[in-house]
């Protein structure tokens, strides 16, 4: 029988899982844009879409 406290024993299958770190969105200073809908927050860019973290308003590169 193997010792459960030895390396390779029963405790070896248990691993500590760290939570995923929160995503930090950084907007370059030249690309700052205030939300057109609420006017209270700076929108951030995700690919070709601008999103407002305050109200959820979004617009694409063509202004949709």
PDB file of N, CA and C in Angstrom:
ATOM      1  N   UNK A   1       0.826  -1.193   0.000  1.00  0.00           N
ATOM      2  CA  UNK A   1       0.000   0.000   0.000  1.00  0.00           C
ATOM      3  C   UNK A   1       0.866   1.251   0.000  1.00  0.00           C
ATOM      4  N   UNK A   2       0.436   2.270  -0.694  1.00  0.00           N
ATOM      5  CA  UNK A   2       1.219   3.503  -0.737  1.00  0.00           C
ATOM      6  C   UNK A   2       0.829   4.424   0.404  1.00  0.00           C
ATOM      7  N   UNK A   3       1.774   5.240   0.813  1.00  0.00           N
ATOM      8  CA  UNK A   3       1.544   6.198   1.888  1.00  0.00           C
ATOM      9  C   UNK A   3       0.817   7.411   1.293  1.00  0.00           C
ATOM     10  N   UNK A   4      -0.399   7.781   1.801  1.00  0.00           N
ATOM     11  CA  UNK A   4      -1.159   8.885   1.212  1.00  0.00           C
ATOM     12  C   UNK A   4      -0.478  10.249   1.349  1.00  0.00           C
ATOM     13  N   UNK A   5       0.497  10.386   2.253  1.00  0.00           N
ATOM     14  CA  UNK A   5       1.161  11.678   2.415  1.00  0.00           C
ATOM     15  C   UNK A   5       2.450  11.779   1.608  1.00  0.00           C
ATOM     16  N   UNK A   6       2.874  10.687   0.985  1.00  0.00           N
ATOM     17  CA  UNK A   6       4.112  10.709   0.214  1.00  0.00           C
ATOM     18  C   UNK A   6       3.851  11.251  -1.196  1.00  0.00           C
ATOM     19  N   UNK A   7       4.908  11.775  -1.847  1.00  0.00           N
ATOM     20  CA  UNK A   7       4.727  12.234  -3.230  1.00  0.00           C
ATOM     21  C   UNK A   7       4.242  11.093  -4.112  1.00  0.00           C
ATOM     22  N   UNK A   8       3.250  11.345  -4.891  1.00  0.00           N
ATOM     23  CA  UNK A   8       2.686  10.312  -5.743  1.00  0.00           C
ATOM     24  C   UNK A   8       1.560   9.564  -5.066  1.00  0.00           C
ATOM     25  N   UNK A   9       1.271   9.892  -3.796  1.00  0.00           N
ATOM     26  CA  UNK A   9       0.187   9.246  -3.057  1.00  0.00           C
ATOM     27  C   UNK A   9      -1.143   9.894  -3.373  1.00  0.00           C
ATOM     28  N   UNK A  10      -2.112   9.747  -2.479  1.00  0.00           N
ATOM     29  CA  UNK A  10      -3.465  10.264  -2.693  1.00  0.00           C
ATOM     30  C   UNK A  10      -3.484  11.791  -2.747  1.00  0.00           C
ATOM     31  N   UNK A  11      -2.596  12.466  -1.982  1.00  0.00           N
ATOM     32  CA  UNK A  11      -2.589  13.931  -1.960  1.00  0.00           C
ATOM     33  C   UNK A  11      -1.969  14.539  -3.214  1.00  0.00           C
ATOM     34  N   UNK A  12      -1.262  13.750  -3.996  1.00  0.00           N
ATOM     35  CA  UNK A  12      -0.617  14.278  -5.202  1.00  0.00           C
ATOM     36  C   UNK A  12      -1.638  14.689  -6.254  1.00  0.00           C
ATOM     37  N   UNK A  13      -2.841  14.098  -6.206  1.00  0.00           N
ATOM     38  CA  UNK A  13      -3.854  14.453  -7.207  1.00  0.00           C
ATOM     39  C   UNK A  13      -4.538  15.772  -6.875  1.00  0.00           C
ATOM     40  N   UNK A  14      -4.405  16.259  -5.648  1.00  0.00           N
ATOM     41  CA  UNK A  14      -5.007  17.534  -5.256  1.00  0.00           C
ATOM     42  C   UNK A  14      -4.079  18.665  -5.668  1.00  0.00           C
ATOM     43  N   UNK A  15      -4.626  19.627  -6.372  1.00  0.00           N
ATOM     44  CA  UNK A  15      -3.846  20.773  -6.814  1.00  0.00           C
ATOM     45  C   UNK A  15      -4.575  22.045  -6.414  1.00  0.00           C
ATOM     46  N   UNK A  16      -3.825  23.042  -6.070  1.00  0.00           N
ATOM     47  CA  UNK A  16      -4.415  24.319  -5.718  1.00  0.00           C
ATOM     48  C   UNK A  16      -4.767  25.060  -7.006  1.00  0.00           C
ATOM     49  N   UNK A  17      -6.012  25.501  -7.091  1.00  0.00           N
ATOM     50  CA  UNK A  17      -6.477  26.231  -8.265  1.00  0.00           C
ATOM     51  C   UNK A  17      -6.633  27.687  -7.866  1.00  0.00           C
ATOM     52  N   UNK A  18      -5.918  28.552  -8.576  1.00  0.00           N
ATOM     53  CA  UNK A  18      -6.024  29.978  -8.302  1.00  0.00           C
ATOM     54  C   UNK A  18      -7.125  30.580  -9.174  1.00  0.00           C
ATOM     55  N   UNK A  19      -7.887  31.540  -8.647  1.00  0.00           N
ATOM     56  CA  UNK A  19      -8.917  32.189  -9.463  1.00  0.00           C
ATOM     57  C   UNK A  19      -8.282  33.020 -10.566  1.00  0.00           C
ATOM     58  N   UNK A  20      -9.032  33.216 -11.639  1.00  0.00           N
ATOM     59  CA  UNK A  20      -8.558  34.027 -12.754  1.00  0.00           C
ATOM     60  C   UNK A  20      -8.548  35.488 -12.327  1.00  0.00           C
ATOM     61  N   UNK A  21      -7.492  36.182 -12.660  1.00  0.00           N
ATOM     62  CA  UNK A  21      -7.377  37.605 -12.319  1.00  0.00           C
ATOM     63  C   UNK A  21      -8.375  38.410 -13.141  1.00  0.00           C
ATOM     64  N   UNK A  22      -8.925  39.485 -12.572  1.00  0.00           N
ATOM     65  CA  UNK A  22      -9.863  40.309 -13.341  1.00  0.00           C
ATOM     66  C   UNK A  22      -9.181  40.927 -14.558  1.00  0.00           C
ATOM     67  N   UNK A  23      -9.955  41.086 -15.608  1.00  0.00           N
ATOM     68  CA  UNK A  23      -9.431  41.659 -16.847  1.00  0.00           C
ATOM     69  C   UNK A  23      -9.316  43.167 -16.676  1.00  0.00           C
ATOM     70  N   UNK A  24      -8.154  43.694 -17.022  1.00  0.00           N
ATOM     71  CA  UNK A  24      -7.938  45.130 -16.936  1.00  0.00           C
ATOM     72  C   UNK A  24      -7.947  45.701 -18.348  1.00  0.00           C
ATOM     73  N   UNK A  25      -8.852  46.630 -18.584  1.00  0.00           N
ATOM     74  CA  UNK A  25      -8.961  47.261 -19.897  1.00  0.00           C
ATOM     75  C   UNK A  25      -8.248  48.601 -19.832  1.00  0.00           C
ATOM     76  N   UNK A  26      -7.267  48.779 -20.674  1.00  0.00           N
ATOM     77  CA  UNK A  26      -6.515  50.028 -20.714  1.00  0.00           C
ATOM     78  C   UNK A  26      -6.780  50.728 -22.038  1.00  0.00           C
ATOM     79  N   UNK A  27      -7.171  51.968 -21.948  1.00  0.00           N
ATOM     80  CA  UNK A  27      -7.459  52.745 -23.150  1.00  0.00           C
ATOM     81  C   UNK A  27      -6.287  53.689 -23.404  1.00  0.00           C
ATOM     82  N   UNK A  28      -5.704  53.661 -24.595  1.00  0.00           N
ATOM     83  CA  UNK A  28      -4.645  54.623 -24.904  1.00  0.00           C
ATOM     84  C   UNK A  28      -5.174  56.043 -24.823  1.00  0.00           C
ATOM     85  N   UNK A  29      -4.343  56.972 -24.377  1.00  0.00           N
ATOM     86  CA  UNK A  29      -4.805  58.345 -24.154  1.00  0.00           C
ATOM     87  C   UNK A  29      -5.335  59.010 -25.426  1.00  0.00           C
ATOM     88  N   UNK A  30      -4.820  58.640 -26.591  1.00  0.00           N
ATOM     89  CA  UNK A  30      -5.269  59.245 -27.844  1.00  0.00           C
ATOM     90  C   UNK A  30      -6.649  58.733 -28.265  1.00  0.00           C
ATOM     91  N   UNK A  31      -7.061  57.584 -27.750  1.00  0.00           N
ATOM     92  CA  UNK A  31      -8.325  56.985 -28.166  1.00  0.00           C
ATOM     93  C   UNK A  31      -9.456  57.187 -27.156  1.00  0.00           C
ATOM     94  N   UNK A  32      -9.355  58.159 -26.255  1.00  0.00           N
ATOM     95  CA  UNK A  32     -10.407  58.351 -25.258  1.00  0.00           C
ATOM     96  C   UNK A  32     -11.652  58.921 -25.926  1.00  0.00           C
ATOM     97  N   UNK A  33     -12.791  58.353 -25.553  1.00  0.00           N
ATOM     98  CA  UNK A  33     -14.059  58.737 -26.151  1.00  0.00           C
ATOM     99  C   UNK A  33     -15.131  58.677 -25.071  1.00  0.00           C
ATOM    100  N   UNK A  34     -15.861  59.753 -24.860  1.00  0.00           N
ATOM    101  CA  UNK A  34     -16.925  59.790 -23.860  1.00  0.00           C
ATOM    102  C   UNK A  34     -18.185  59.202 -24.476  1.00  0.00           C
ATOM    103  N   UNK A  35     -18.938  58.465 -23.672  1.00  0.00           N
ATOM    104  CA  UNK A  35     -20.154  57.792 -24.147  1.00  0.00           C
ATOM    105  C   UNK A  35     -21.150  58.793 -24.726  1.00  0.00           C
ATOM    106  N   UNK A  36     -21.675  58.471 -25.891  1.00  0.00           N
ATOM    107  CA  UNK A  36     -22.648  59.335 -26.559  1.00  0.00           C
ATOM    108  C   UNK A  36     -24.026  59.245 -25.906  1.00  0.00           C
ATOM    109  N   UNK A  37     -24.327  58.128 -25.252  1.00  0.00           N
ATOM    110  CA  UNK A  37     -25.645  57.933 -24.651  1.00  0.00           C
ATOM    111  C   UNK A  37     -25.726  58.547 -23.257  1.00  0.00           C
ATOM    112  N   UNK A  38     -24.846  58.118 -22.339  1.00  0.00           N
ATOM    113  CA  UNK A  38     -24.958  58.598 -20.958  1.00  0.00           C
ATOM    114  C   UNK A  38     -24.043  59.783 -20.669  1.00  0.00           C
ATOM    115  N   UNK A  39     -22.936  59.912 -21.405  1.00  0.00           N
ATOM    116  CA  UNK A  39     -22.015  61.028 -21.212  1.00  0.00           C
ATOM    117  C   UNK A  39     -21.254  60.993 -19.904  1.00  0.00           C
ATOM    118  N   UNK A  40     -21.355  59.885 -19.161  1.00  0.00           N
ATOM    119  CA  UNK A  40     -20.724  59.810 -17.845  1.00  0.00           C
ATOM    120  C   UNK A  40     -19.430  59.020 -17.820  1.00  0.00           C
ATOM    121  N   UNK A  41     -19.140  58.247 -18.830  1.00  0.00           N
ATOM    122  CA  UNK A  41     -17.980  57.356 -18.769  1.00  0.00           C
ATOM    123  C   UNK A  41     -17.205  57.385 -20.079  1.00  0.00           C
ATOM    124  N   UNK A  42     -15.930  57.062 -19.961  1.00  0.00           N
ATOM    125  CA  UNK A  42     -15.105  56.918 -21.158  1.00  0.00           C
ATOM    126  C   UNK A  42     -15.329  55.530 -21.718  1.00  0.00           C
ATOM    127  N   UNK A  43     -15.574  55.456 -23.006  1.00  0.00           N
ATOM    128  CA  UNK A  43     -15.798  54.173 -23.650  1.00  0.00           C
ATOM    129  C   UNK A  43     -14.459  53.480 -23.865  1.00  0.00           C
ATOM    130  N   UNK A  44     -14.477  52.158 -23.908  1.00  0.00           N
ATOM    131  CA  UNK A  44     -13.266  51.399 -24.184  1.00  0.00           C
ATOM    132  C   UNK A  44     -13.453  50.615 -25.462  1.00  0.00           C
ATOM    133  N   UNK A  45     -12.346  50.276 -26.101  1.00  0.00           N
ATOM    134  CA  UNK A  45     -12.402  49.630 -27.404  1.00  0.00           C
ATOM    135  C   UNK A  45     -12.129  48.147 -27.278  1.00  0.00           C
ATOM    136  N   UNK A  46     -13.013  47.341 -27.873  1.00  0.00           N
ATOM    137  CA  UNK A  46     -12.823  45.901 -27.988  1.00  0.00           C
ATOM    138  C   UNK A  46     -12.900  45.579 -29.464  1.00  0.00           C
ATOM    139  N   UNK A  47     -11.771  45.280 -30.065  1.00  0.00           N
ATOM    140  CA  UNK A  47     -11.668  45.027 -31.505  1.00  0.00           C
ATOM    141  C   UNK A  47     -12.133  46.277 -32.245  1.00  0.00           C
ATOM    142  N   UNK A  48     -13.183  46.219 -33.019  1.00  0.00           N
ATOM    143  CA  UNK A  48     -13.662  47.396 -33.753  1.00  0.00           C
ATOM    144  C   UNK A  48     -14.906  47.984 -33.104  1.00  0.00           C
ATOM    145  N   UNK A  49     -15.169  47.644 -31.839  1.00  0.00           N
ATOM    146  CA  UNK A  49     -16.383  48.088 -31.152  1.00  0.00           C
ATOM    147  C   UNK A  49     -16.010  48.941 -29.946  1.00  0.00           C
ATOM    148  N   UNK A  50     -16.667  50.085 -29.797  1.00  0.00           N
ATOM    149  CA  UNK A  50     -16.510  50.919 -28.612  1.00  0.00           C
ATOM    150  C   UNK A  50     -17.647  50.587 -27.662  1.00  0.00           C
ATOM    151  N   UNK A  51     -17.335  50.365 -26.382  1.00  0.00           N
ATOM    152  CA  UNK A  51     -18.348  50.013 -25.380  1.00  0.00           C
ATOM    153  C   UNK A  51     -18.263  50.951 -24.195  1.00  0.00           C
ATOM    154  N   UNK A  52     -19.425  51.243 -23.613  1.00  0.00           N
ATOM    155  CA  UNK A  52     -19.493  52.062 -22.410  1.00  0.00           C
ATOM    156  C   UNK A  52     -19.612  51.141 -21.202  1.00  0.00           C
ATOM    157  N   UNK A  53     -18.698  51.235 -20.231  1.00  0.00           N
ATOM    158  CA  UNK A  53     -18.792  50.380 -19.058  1.00  0.00           C
ATOM    159  C   UNK A  53     -19.938  50.777 -18.130  1.00  0.00           C
ATOM    160  N   UNK A  54     -20.464  51.985 -18.290  1.00  0.00           N
ATOM    161  CA  UNK A  54     -21.525  52.478 -17.422  1.00  0.00           C
ATOM    162  C   UNK A  54     -22.910  52.024 -17.881  1.00  0.00           C
ATOM    163  N   UNK A  55     -23.265  52.270 -19.141  1.00  0.00           N
ATOM    164  CA  UNK A  55     -24.622  51.964 -19.611  1.00  0.00           C
ATOM    165  C   UNK A  55     -24.685  50.816 -20.611  1.00  0.00           C
ATOM    166  N   UNK A  56     -23.529  50.354 -21.119  1.00  0.00           N
ATOM    167  CA  UNK A  56     -23.519  49.237 -22.050  1.00  0.00           C
ATOM    168  C   UNK A  56     -23.667  49.619 -23.508  1.00  0.00           C
ATOM    169  N   UNK A  57     -23.788  50.908 -23.799  1.00  0.00           N
ATOM    170  CA  UNK A  57     -23.917  51.371 -25.177  1.00  0.00           C
ATOM    171  C   UNK A  57     -22.687  50.942 -25.969  1.00  0.00           C
ATOM    172  N   UNK A  58     -22.899  50.525 -27.220  1.00  0.00           N
ATOM    173  CA  UNK A  58     -21.763  50.155 -28.056  1.00  0.00           C
ATOM    174  C   UNK A  58     -21.947  50.670 -29.469  1.00  0.00           C
ATOM    175  N   UNK A  59     -20.824  50.927 -30.118  1.00  0.00           N
ATOM    176  CA  UNK A  59     -20.821  51.393 -31.492  1.00  0.00           C
ATOM    177  C   UNK A  59     -19.633  50.764 -32.200  1.00  0.00           C
ATOM    178  N   UNK A  60     -19.747  50.498 -33.474  1.00  0.00           N
ATOM    179  CA  UNK A  60     -18.623  49.896 -34.185  1.00  0.00           C
ATOM    180  C   UNK A  60     -17.797  50.987 -34.856  1.00  0.00           C
ATOM    181  N   UNK A  61     -16.855  50.592 -35.654  1.00  0.00           N
ATOM    182  CA  UNK A  61     -15.929  51.548 -36.273  1.00  0.00           C
ATOM    183  C   UNK A  61     -16.646  52.497 -37.227  1.00  0.00           C
ATOM    184  N   UNK A  62     -17.817  52.121 -37.734  1.00  0.00           N
ATOM    185  CA  UNK A  62     -18.533  52.942 -38.705  1.00  0.00           C
ATOM    186  C   UNK A  62     -19.625  53.787 -38.058  1.00  0.00           C
ATOM    187  N   UNK A  63     -19.749  53.752 -36.735  1.00  0.00           N
ATOM    188  CA  UNK A  63     -20.730  54.568 -36.037  1.00  0.00           C
ATOM    189  C   UNK A  63     -22.103  53.948 -35.891  1.00  0.00           C
ATOM    190  N   UNK A  64     -22.204  52.657 -36.000  1.00  0.00           N
ATOM    191  CA  UNK A  64     -23.510  51.998 -35.857  1.00  0.00           C
ATOM    192  C   UNK A  64     -23.920  51.964 -34.429  1.00  0.00           C
TER     193      UNK A  64
END
